[in-house]
N, C-alpha and C. Protein backbone atom coordinates (compact mmCIF):
# COMPACT_ATOMS: atom_id res chain seq x y z
N MET A 1 104.63 117.56 86.97
CA MET A 1 105.78 118.36 86.64
C MET A 1 105.56 119.90 87.05
N HIS A 2 106.41 120.49 87.60
CA HIS A 2 106.24 121.74 88.14
C HIS A 2 106.22 122.80 86.78
N ARG A 3 105.74 124.06 87.74
CA ARG A 3 105.54 124.87 86.67
C ARG A 3 106.90 125.65 86.41
N GLU A 4 107.38 125.85 87.75
CA GLU A 4 108.54 126.64 87.73
C GLU A 4 109.61 125.95 87.38
N PHE A 5 110.87 126.37 87.32
CA PHE A 5 111.97 125.51 86.74
C PHE A 5 111.79 124.10 86.22
N PRO A 6 110.70 123.98 85.34
CA PRO A 6 110.39 122.56 85.05
C PRO A 6 111.59 122.16 84.11
N GLU A 7 111.69 120.16 84.01
CA GLU A 7 111.98 119.74 83.48
C GLU A 7 111.95 119.35 82.05
N ALA A 8 110.82 120.23 81.23
CA ALA A 8 110.17 119.96 80.00
C ALA A 8 109.32 120.97 79.93
N PRO A 9 109.49 121.67 78.70
CA PRO A 9 108.28 122.52 78.37
C PRO A 9 106.79 122.25 78.74
N ARG A 10 105.87 122.93 78.98
CA ARG A 10 104.59 122.52 79.58
C ARG A 10 103.26 123.20 78.38
N VAL A 11 102.53 122.19 77.69
CA VAL A 11 101.70 122.71 76.67
C VAL A 11 100.71 123.78 77.36
N ALA A 12 100.45 124.54 76.93
CA ALA A 12 99.06 125.43 77.10
C ALA A 12 98.41 126.07 76.04
N VAL A 13 97.06 126.53 76.44
CA VAL A 13 96.59 127.27 75.35
C VAL A 13 95.98 128.35 75.71
N GLY A 14 95.54 129.19 74.39
CA GLY A 14 94.93 130.83 74.88
C GLY A 14 94.13 130.99 73.97
N ALA A 15 93.27 131.83 74.05
CA ALA A 15 92.68 132.10 73.21
C ALA A 15 92.24 133.79 72.83
N VAL A 16 91.92 133.89 71.56
CA VAL A 16 92.14 135.74 71.13
C VAL A 16 90.29 135.40 70.98
N VAL A 17 89.67 135.78 71.99
CA VAL A 17 87.75 135.69 71.76
C VAL A 17 87.69 137.27 70.93
N VAL A 18 87.06 137.36 69.92
CA VAL A 18 86.69 138.51 68.99
C VAL A 18 85.28 138.52 69.44
N ASP A 19 84.40 139.46 69.75
CA ASP A 19 83.27 140.12 69.55
C ASP A 19 82.88 141.01 69.80
N GLU A 20 82.35 141.48 68.03
CA GLU A 20 81.85 142.60 68.31
C GLU A 20 82.83 143.90 67.78
N GLY A 21 84.13 143.47 67.29
CA GLY A 21 85.20 144.02 67.17
C GLY A 21 86.39 144.43 68.19
N ARG A 22 85.79 143.56 69.51
CA ARG A 22 86.51 143.77 70.79
C ARG A 22 87.29 142.49 70.89
N VAL A 23 88.34 142.25 71.58
CA VAL A 23 88.88 141.42 71.84
C VAL A 23 89.00 140.93 73.62
N LEU A 24 88.51 140.06 74.07
CA LEU A 24 88.62 139.91 75.57
C LEU A 24 89.93 139.95 76.49
N LEU A 25 90.14 140.12 77.19
CA LEU A 25 91.77 140.28 78.14
C LEU A 25 91.28 139.76 79.62
N VAL A 26 92.27 139.20 79.89
CA VAL A 26 92.05 138.82 81.59
C VAL A 26 93.51 139.34 82.17
N ARG A 27 93.50 140.15 83.53
CA ARG A 27 94.49 140.51 84.11
C ARG A 27 95.19 139.25 84.96
N ARG A 28 96.14 139.11 84.63
CA ARG A 28 97.12 137.81 85.39
C ARG A 28 96.76 137.95 86.82
N GLY A 29 96.62 136.80 87.41
CA GLY A 29 96.58 137.07 89.03
C GLY A 29 97.71 136.43 89.58
N SER A 30 98.50 135.37 88.88
CA SER A 30 99.51 134.61 89.17
C SER A 30 100.69 134.68 88.03
N GLU A 31 102.11 134.61 88.60
CA GLU A 31 103.29 134.48 87.97
C GLU A 31 102.90 133.39 86.86
N PRO A 32 103.65 133.27 85.39
CA PRO A 32 104.37 134.52 85.10
C PRO A 32 103.55 135.79 84.59
N LEU A 33 104.30 136.91 84.70
CA LEU A 33 103.41 138.02 84.19
C LEU A 33 102.05 138.55 85.24
N LYS A 34 102.44 138.22 86.50
CA LYS A 34 101.04 138.52 87.21
C LYS A 34 101.22 140.11 87.45
N GLY A 35 99.89 140.63 87.01
CA GLY A 35 99.29 142.09 86.80
C GLY A 35 99.40 142.49 85.23
N HIS A 36 100.07 141.64 84.52
CA HIS A 36 99.68 142.15 83.30
C HIS A 36 98.26 141.61 82.71
N TRP A 37 97.83 142.36 81.90
CA TRP A 37 96.69 142.02 80.88
C TRP A 37 97.38 140.86 80.12
N SER A 38 96.42 140.21 79.58
CA SER A 38 96.66 138.65 78.86
C SER A 38 95.64 137.96 77.93
N LEU A 39 95.52 137.27 77.25
CA LEU A 39 94.95 136.46 76.74
C LEU A 39 94.31 135.40 77.76
N PRO A 40 92.98 134.60 77.73
CA PRO A 40 92.57 133.84 78.67
C PRO A 40 93.25 132.65 78.21
N GLY A 41 93.68 131.73 78.85
CA GLY A 41 94.03 130.41 78.94
C GLY A 41 94.99 129.90 79.74
N GLY A 42 95.58 128.83 79.50
CA GLY A 42 96.42 128.27 81.02
C GLY A 42 96.84 126.53 80.25
N LEU A 43 97.09 125.78 81.32
CA LEU A 43 97.76 124.52 80.91
C LEU A 43 96.77 123.58 80.33
N LEU A 44 97.18 123.10 79.15
CA LEU A 44 96.67 121.63 78.94
C LEU A 44 96.33 120.56 80.11
N GLU A 45 95.49 119.54 80.18
CA GLU A 45 95.46 118.69 81.05
C GLU A 45 95.52 117.46 80.24
N VAL A 46 96.44 116.43 80.93
CA VAL A 46 96.44 115.24 80.12
C VAL A 46 95.05 114.61 79.77
N GLY A 47 95.29 114.00 78.34
CA GLY A 47 94.08 113.72 78.00
C GLY A 47 93.19 114.47 77.11
N GLU A 48 93.42 116.00 77.48
CA GLU A 48 92.59 116.88 76.62
C GLU A 48 93.10 117.20 75.37
N ALA A 49 92.28 117.87 74.85
CA ALA A 49 92.44 118.24 73.45
C ALA A 49 92.56 119.41 73.39
N LEU A 50 93.35 120.25 72.40
CA LEU A 50 93.77 121.39 72.64
C LEU A 50 92.41 122.17 72.45
N SER A 51 91.51 122.11 71.64
CA SER A 51 90.28 123.05 71.42
C SER A 51 89.45 122.76 72.68
N ALA A 52 89.21 121.46 73.43
CA ALA A 52 88.49 121.70 74.72
C ALA A 52 89.36 122.28 75.88
N GLY A 53 90.45 122.45 75.90
CA GLY A 53 91.80 122.73 76.69
C GLY A 53 91.13 124.80 76.64
N VAL A 54 91.00 124.93 75.55
CA VAL A 54 90.64 126.71 75.24
C VAL A 54 89.38 127.07 75.89
N VAL A 55 88.21 125.54 75.75
CA VAL A 55 86.81 125.92 76.09
C VAL A 55 86.53 126.06 77.63
N ARG A 56 87.68 124.84 78.00
CA ARG A 56 87.69 124.71 79.54
C ARG A 56 88.35 126.06 80.31
N GLU A 57 89.59 126.29 79.69
CA GLU A 57 90.26 127.75 80.09
C GLU A 57 89.55 128.97 80.41
N VAL A 58 89.12 129.29 79.25
CA VAL A 58 88.02 130.46 79.26
C VAL A 58 86.91 130.63 79.89
N ARG A 59 86.20 129.48 79.80
CA ARG A 59 84.83 129.30 80.94
C ARG A 59 85.40 129.33 82.38
N GLU A 60 86.78 128.69 82.95
CA GLU A 60 87.06 129.07 84.39
C GLU A 60 87.53 130.33 84.46
N GLU A 61 88.17 131.15 83.58
CA GLU A 61 89.14 132.34 84.01
C GLU A 61 87.90 133.75 83.47
N THR A 62 86.72 133.58 82.81
CA THR A 62 86.30 134.31 82.41
C THR A 62 84.43 134.12 82.33
N GLY A 63 84.11 133.06 82.75
CA GLY A 63 82.64 132.88 82.63
C GLY A 63 81.90 132.82 81.59
N LEU A 64 82.90 132.60 80.12
CA LEU A 64 82.22 132.76 78.98
C LEU A 64 82.54 131.25 78.53
N THR A 65 81.32 131.05 77.74
CA THR A 65 81.75 129.76 76.79
C THR A 65 81.92 129.98 75.64
N VAL A 66 83.39 129.75 74.94
CA VAL A 66 83.43 129.97 73.18
C VAL A 66 83.69 128.64 72.63
N GLU A 67 83.88 128.84 71.24
CA GLU A 67 83.31 128.21 70.35
C GLU A 67 85.07 128.35 69.25
N PRO A 68 86.14 127.27 69.61
CA PRO A 68 87.47 127.64 68.51
C PRO A 68 87.07 127.63 67.06
N VAL A 69 87.73 128.85 66.68
CA VAL A 69 87.24 128.80 65.28
C VAL A 69 88.75 128.06 64.25
N GLU A 70 89.76 128.86 64.57
CA GLU A 70 91.12 128.29 64.00
C GLU A 70 92.17 128.47 64.74
N LEU A 71 93.45 127.73 64.83
CA LEU A 71 94.62 127.89 65.15
C LEU A 71 95.20 129.32 64.63
N ILE A 72 95.38 130.30 65.42
CA ILE A 72 96.04 131.53 65.00
C ILE A 72 97.78 131.58 65.07
N GLU A 73 98.58 131.00 66.43
CA GLU A 73 99.73 131.10 66.16
C GLU A 73 100.17 129.92 67.61
N LEU A 74 100.80 129.18 67.02
CA LEU A 74 101.97 128.20 67.74
C LEU A 74 103.14 128.96 68.73
N LEU A 75 103.57 128.85 69.98
CA LEU A 75 104.60 130.23 70.44
C LEU A 75 105.24 129.34 71.63
N ASP A 76 106.56 129.95 71.67
CA ASP A 76 107.30 129.47 72.81
C ASP A 76 107.38 130.66 73.59
N ARG A 77 107.14 130.69 74.79
CA ARG A 77 107.36 131.42 75.99
C ARG A 77 108.06 131.07 77.19
N ILE A 78 109.18 131.33 76.88
CA ILE A 78 110.60 131.05 77.55
C ILE A 78 111.01 132.28 79.00
N HIS A 79 110.91 131.99 80.03
CA HIS A 79 111.03 133.40 80.87
C HIS A 79 112.34 132.80 81.74
N ARG A 80 113.25 133.27 81.78
CA ARG A 80 114.77 132.82 82.38
C ARG A 80 115.02 133.78 83.41
N GLU A 81 115.56 132.95 84.57
CA GLU A 81 115.82 133.70 85.48
C GLU A 81 117.67 133.18 85.82
N GLY A 82 118.60 134.09 85.43
CA GLY A 82 119.38 134.17 85.30
C GLY A 82 119.97 133.28 84.26
N GLU A 83 120.48 131.90 84.28
CA GLU A 83 120.82 131.09 83.51
C GLU A 83 119.82 129.65 83.21
N ARG A 84 119.24 129.85 84.46
CA ARG A 84 118.01 129.00 84.49
C ARG A 84 116.41 129.23 83.85
N VAL A 85 115.61 128.13 83.23
CA VAL A 85 114.69 128.66 82.66
C VAL A 85 113.77 128.40 83.75
N ARG A 86 112.86 129.31 84.34
CA ARG A 86 111.92 129.50 85.22
C ARG A 86 110.52 129.23 84.85
N TYR A 87 110.40 129.42 83.53
CA TYR A 87 108.85 128.84 82.82
C TYR A 87 109.36 128.89 81.22
N HIS A 88 108.61 127.44 81.01
CA HIS A 88 108.86 127.52 79.86
C HIS A 88 107.69 126.71 79.34
N TYR A 89 106.50 127.49 78.38
CA TYR A 89 105.33 126.80 77.99
C TYR A 89 105.73 127.10 76.60
N VAL A 90 104.92 125.87 75.75
CA VAL A 90 104.50 126.21 74.29
C VAL A 90 103.25 126.37 74.01
N ILE A 91 102.38 127.36 73.72
CA ILE A 91 101.15 127.84 73.63
C ILE A 91 100.67 127.96 72.30
N ALA A 92 99.63 127.08 72.10
CA ALA A 92 98.53 127.14 71.05
C ALA A 92 97.64 128.09 71.48
N ASP A 93 97.55 129.47 70.28
CA ASP A 93 96.28 130.39 70.44
C ASP A 93 95.52 130.08 69.75
N TYR A 94 94.05 130.27 69.59
CA TYR A 94 93.25 130.08 69.25
C TYR A 94 92.07 131.43 68.74
N LEU A 95 92.03 131.39 67.59
CA LEU A 95 90.66 132.27 67.93
C LEU A 95 89.40 131.99 67.89
N CYS A 96 88.80 132.35 68.76
CA CYS A 96 87.42 131.68 69.38
C CYS A 96 86.20 133.10 69.34
N ARG A 97 85.34 132.53 69.33
CA ARG A 97 83.64 133.29 69.00
C ARG A 97 83.00 132.57 70.38
N VAL A 98 82.26 134.09 70.73
CA VAL A 98 81.42 133.88 72.34
C VAL A 98 80.25 132.84 71.82
N ALA A 99 80.05 131.92 72.40
CA ALA A 99 79.22 131.00 72.42
C ALA A 99 77.52 131.00 73.51
N GLY A 100 78.24 131.69 74.61
CA GLY A 100 77.56 132.06 75.41
C GLY A 100 77.71 132.25 76.98
N GLY A 101 77.35 132.26 78.01
CA GLY A 101 77.74 132.53 79.54
C GLY A 101 77.57 133.87 79.56
N ALA A 102 78.33 134.26 80.98
CA ALA A 102 78.43 135.78 81.73
C ALA A 102 79.83 136.04 82.08
N LEU A 103 79.99 137.36 81.48
CA LEU A 103 81.51 137.66 81.76
C LEU A 103 81.78 138.08 83.27
N LYS A 104 82.62 137.17 83.90
CA LYS A 104 82.94 137.66 85.14
C LYS A 104 84.87 136.83 85.29
N ALA A 105 84.99 137.97 86.47
CA ALA A 105 86.67 137.31 86.63
C ALA A 105 86.61 136.04 87.83
N ALA A 106 87.47 134.92 87.03
CA ALA A 106 87.50 133.83 88.27
C ALA A 106 88.54 133.06 87.99
N SER A 107 88.85 132.10 88.45
CA SER A 107 89.78 131.19 88.54
C SER A 107 91.34 132.44 89.17
N ASP A 108 92.47 132.20 88.20
CA ASP A 108 93.62 133.01 88.10
C ASP A 108 93.32 133.96 87.69
N ALA A 109 92.42 134.81 87.05
CA ALA A 109 92.17 135.79 86.69
C ALA A 109 91.68 137.10 87.81
N ASP A 110 92.82 137.91 87.78
CA ASP A 110 92.19 139.26 88.93
C ASP A 110 91.32 139.73 88.11
N ALA A 111 90.98 140.17 86.85
CA ALA A 111 89.92 140.85 86.27
C ALA A 111 89.75 140.54 85.10
N VAL A 112 88.70 140.85 84.39
CA VAL A 112 88.50 140.52 82.73
C VAL A 112 87.62 141.64 81.88
N ARG A 113 88.17 141.71 80.84
CA ARG A 113 87.45 143.08 80.11
C ARG A 113 87.29 142.65 78.78
N TRP A 114 86.42 143.56 77.86
CA TRP A 114 86.58 144.09 76.68
C TRP A 114 87.62 145.09 76.24
N VAL A 115 88.12 145.08 75.08
CA VAL A 115 89.47 145.96 74.41
C VAL A 115 88.87 146.31 73.44
N GLN A 116 88.93 147.84 72.73
CA GLN A 116 88.97 147.84 71.44
C GLN A 116 90.28 147.69 71.12
N ARG A 117 90.54 148.07 69.34
CA ARG A 117 91.38 147.74 68.87
C ARG A 117 92.73 148.91 69.31
N ALA A 118 92.15 150.17 69.53
CA ALA A 118 92.75 151.47 69.42
C ALA A 118 93.83 150.98 70.98
N GLU A 119 93.14 150.25 72.03
CA GLU A 119 93.83 150.26 73.28
C GLU A 119 94.95 148.88 73.02
N TRP A 120 94.73 148.37 72.14
CA TRP A 120 96.03 147.29 72.37
C TRP A 120 97.04 147.83 70.98
N ASN A 121 96.78 148.49 70.05
CA ASN A 121 97.24 148.63 68.55
C ASN A 121 97.90 150.16 68.72
N SER A 122 98.09 151.19 69.60
CA SER A 122 98.16 152.20 70.05
C SER A 122 100.04 152.11 70.04
N HIS A 123 100.83 153.07 69.44
CA HIS A 123 101.90 153.44 69.80
C HIS A 123 102.42 154.68 70.39
N PRO A 124 103.21 154.49 71.76
CA PRO A 124 103.34 153.42 72.30
C PRO A 124 102.08 152.92 72.74
N PRO A 125 101.95 151.30 72.91
CA PRO A 125 100.95 150.99 73.57
C PRO A 125 100.35 151.32 75.14
N ARG A 126 99.04 151.83 75.27
CA ARG A 126 98.79 152.65 76.59
C ARG A 126 99.36 151.66 77.66
N ARG A 127 99.87 152.59 78.49
CA ARG A 127 100.37 151.93 79.89
C ARG A 127 99.70 151.31 80.96
N THR A 128 98.30 151.26 80.83
CA THR A 128 97.30 151.16 81.71
C THR A 128 96.97 149.39 81.58
N LEU A 129 97.48 149.00 80.29
CA LEU A 129 96.96 147.93 80.27
C LEU A 129 98.11 146.91 80.23
N ARG A 130 99.42 147.00 80.46
CA ARG A 130 100.55 146.47 80.92
C ARG A 130 100.56 145.33 79.74
N LEU A 131 100.68 145.15 78.28
CA LEU A 131 100.51 144.19 77.60
C LEU A 131 101.99 144.13 77.13
N ASP A 132 102.41 142.52 77.08
CA ASP A 132 103.42 142.26 76.80
C ASP A 132 103.24 142.12 75.00
N PRO A 133 104.68 142.60 74.48
CA PRO A 133 104.70 142.65 72.92
C PRO A 133 104.56 141.52 71.94
N VAL A 134 104.77 140.32 72.51
CA VAL A 134 104.14 139.00 72.22
C VAL A 134 102.57 139.26 72.19
N THR A 135 101.88 139.22 73.16
CA THR A 135 100.75 138.80 73.33
C THR A 135 99.77 140.24 72.48
N VAL A 136 100.41 141.01 72.56
CA VAL A 136 99.94 142.32 71.39
C VAL A 136 99.90 141.95 70.24
N ARG A 137 101.35 141.03 69.34
CA ARG A 137 101.19 140.51 68.13
C ARG A 137 99.93 139.36 67.82
N VAL A 138 99.98 138.43 68.68
CA VAL A 138 98.76 137.52 68.68
C VAL A 138 97.50 138.24 68.41
N ILE A 139 96.97 138.89 69.68
CA ILE A 139 95.72 139.87 69.38
C ILE A 139 95.56 140.65 68.35
N GLU A 140 96.52 141.16 67.82
CA GLU A 140 96.49 141.41 66.31
C GLU A 140 96.38 140.44 65.03
N SER A 141 96.84 139.44 65.01
CA SER A 141 96.85 138.31 64.16
C SER A 141 95.30 137.82 64.22
N GLY A 142 94.84 137.46 65.71
CA GLY A 142 93.72 136.96 66.06
C GLY A 142 92.57 138.20 65.46
N TRP A 143 92.58 139.22 65.63
CA TRP A 143 91.98 140.08 65.17
C TRP A 143 91.34 140.73 64.02
N GLN A 144 92.62 140.37 63.12
CA GLN A 144 92.71 140.62 61.66
C GLN A 144 91.80 139.39 60.95
N ARG A 145 92.40 138.29 61.39
CA ARG A 145 91.73 137.04 60.98
C ARG A 145 90.09 136.93 61.21
N ALA A 146 89.68 137.42 62.38
CA ALA A 146 88.22 137.23 62.89
C ALA A 146 87.67 138.26 61.69
N ARG A 147 88.06 139.60 61.14
CA ARG A 147 87.38 140.40 60.74
C ARG A 147 87.76 139.82 58.65
N ALA A 148 88.61 139.13 58.84
CA ALA A 148 88.50 138.72 57.15
C ALA A 148 87.81 137.62 57.26
N ILE A 149 87.40 136.59 58.55
CA ILE A 149 86.15 135.92 58.26
C ILE A 149 84.92 136.50 58.02
N GLU A 150 84.96 137.23 58.83
CA GLU A 150 83.47 138.35 58.84
C GLU A 150 83.29 139.21 57.55
N GLN A 151 84.23 139.48 56.71
CA GLN A 151 83.83 140.06 55.79
C GLN A 151 83.64 139.27 54.52
N LYS A 152 84.38 138.08 54.78
CA LYS A 152 83.90 136.95 53.98
C LYS A 152 82.43 136.39 54.10
N GLY A 153 82.25 136.55 55.05
CA GLY A 153 80.68 136.01 54.96
C GLY A 153 79.70 136.96 54.78
N GLU A 154 80.45 138.42 55.19
CA GLU A 154 79.43 139.48 54.62
C GLU A 154 79.27 139.27 53.14
N GLY A 155 80.03 138.95 52.28
CA GLY A 155 80.03 138.74 50.85
C GLY A 155 79.46 137.78 50.26
N ARG A 156 78.84 136.98 50.96
CA ARG A 156 78.03 135.98 50.47
C ARG A 156 76.64 136.17 50.24
């Protein structure tokens, strides 16, 4: 099935990787949203579980091994060109924690970096990151959930 102008939506995964209060972002090296900062992720392979796809995609794009914690959001990403649908992804975004590896841009990521909350949550968003508003919402949801899990763990 083609990525561009598909006959049906494509299933993809994304990762909100939180470590020491920071979130991992990748700069996209291909369309859609080439040059924009986003969450690591990509298309699910046939026969691959969602959690396995998240682990594989993060490793391929960033060199890090992650452990999925929980599903943050399931969403549609539909990019139209006139009346035609150029891209249609159904994305399962997971909160993840780092389990190992060494950070380096790879696969279809031009760059990778850790980002502090002030960088994605500023109003207006800092233009250097070129973040899509939907991505900002998912990042913030994942970051808030990671904080809640951390605080709950500290209270034990």
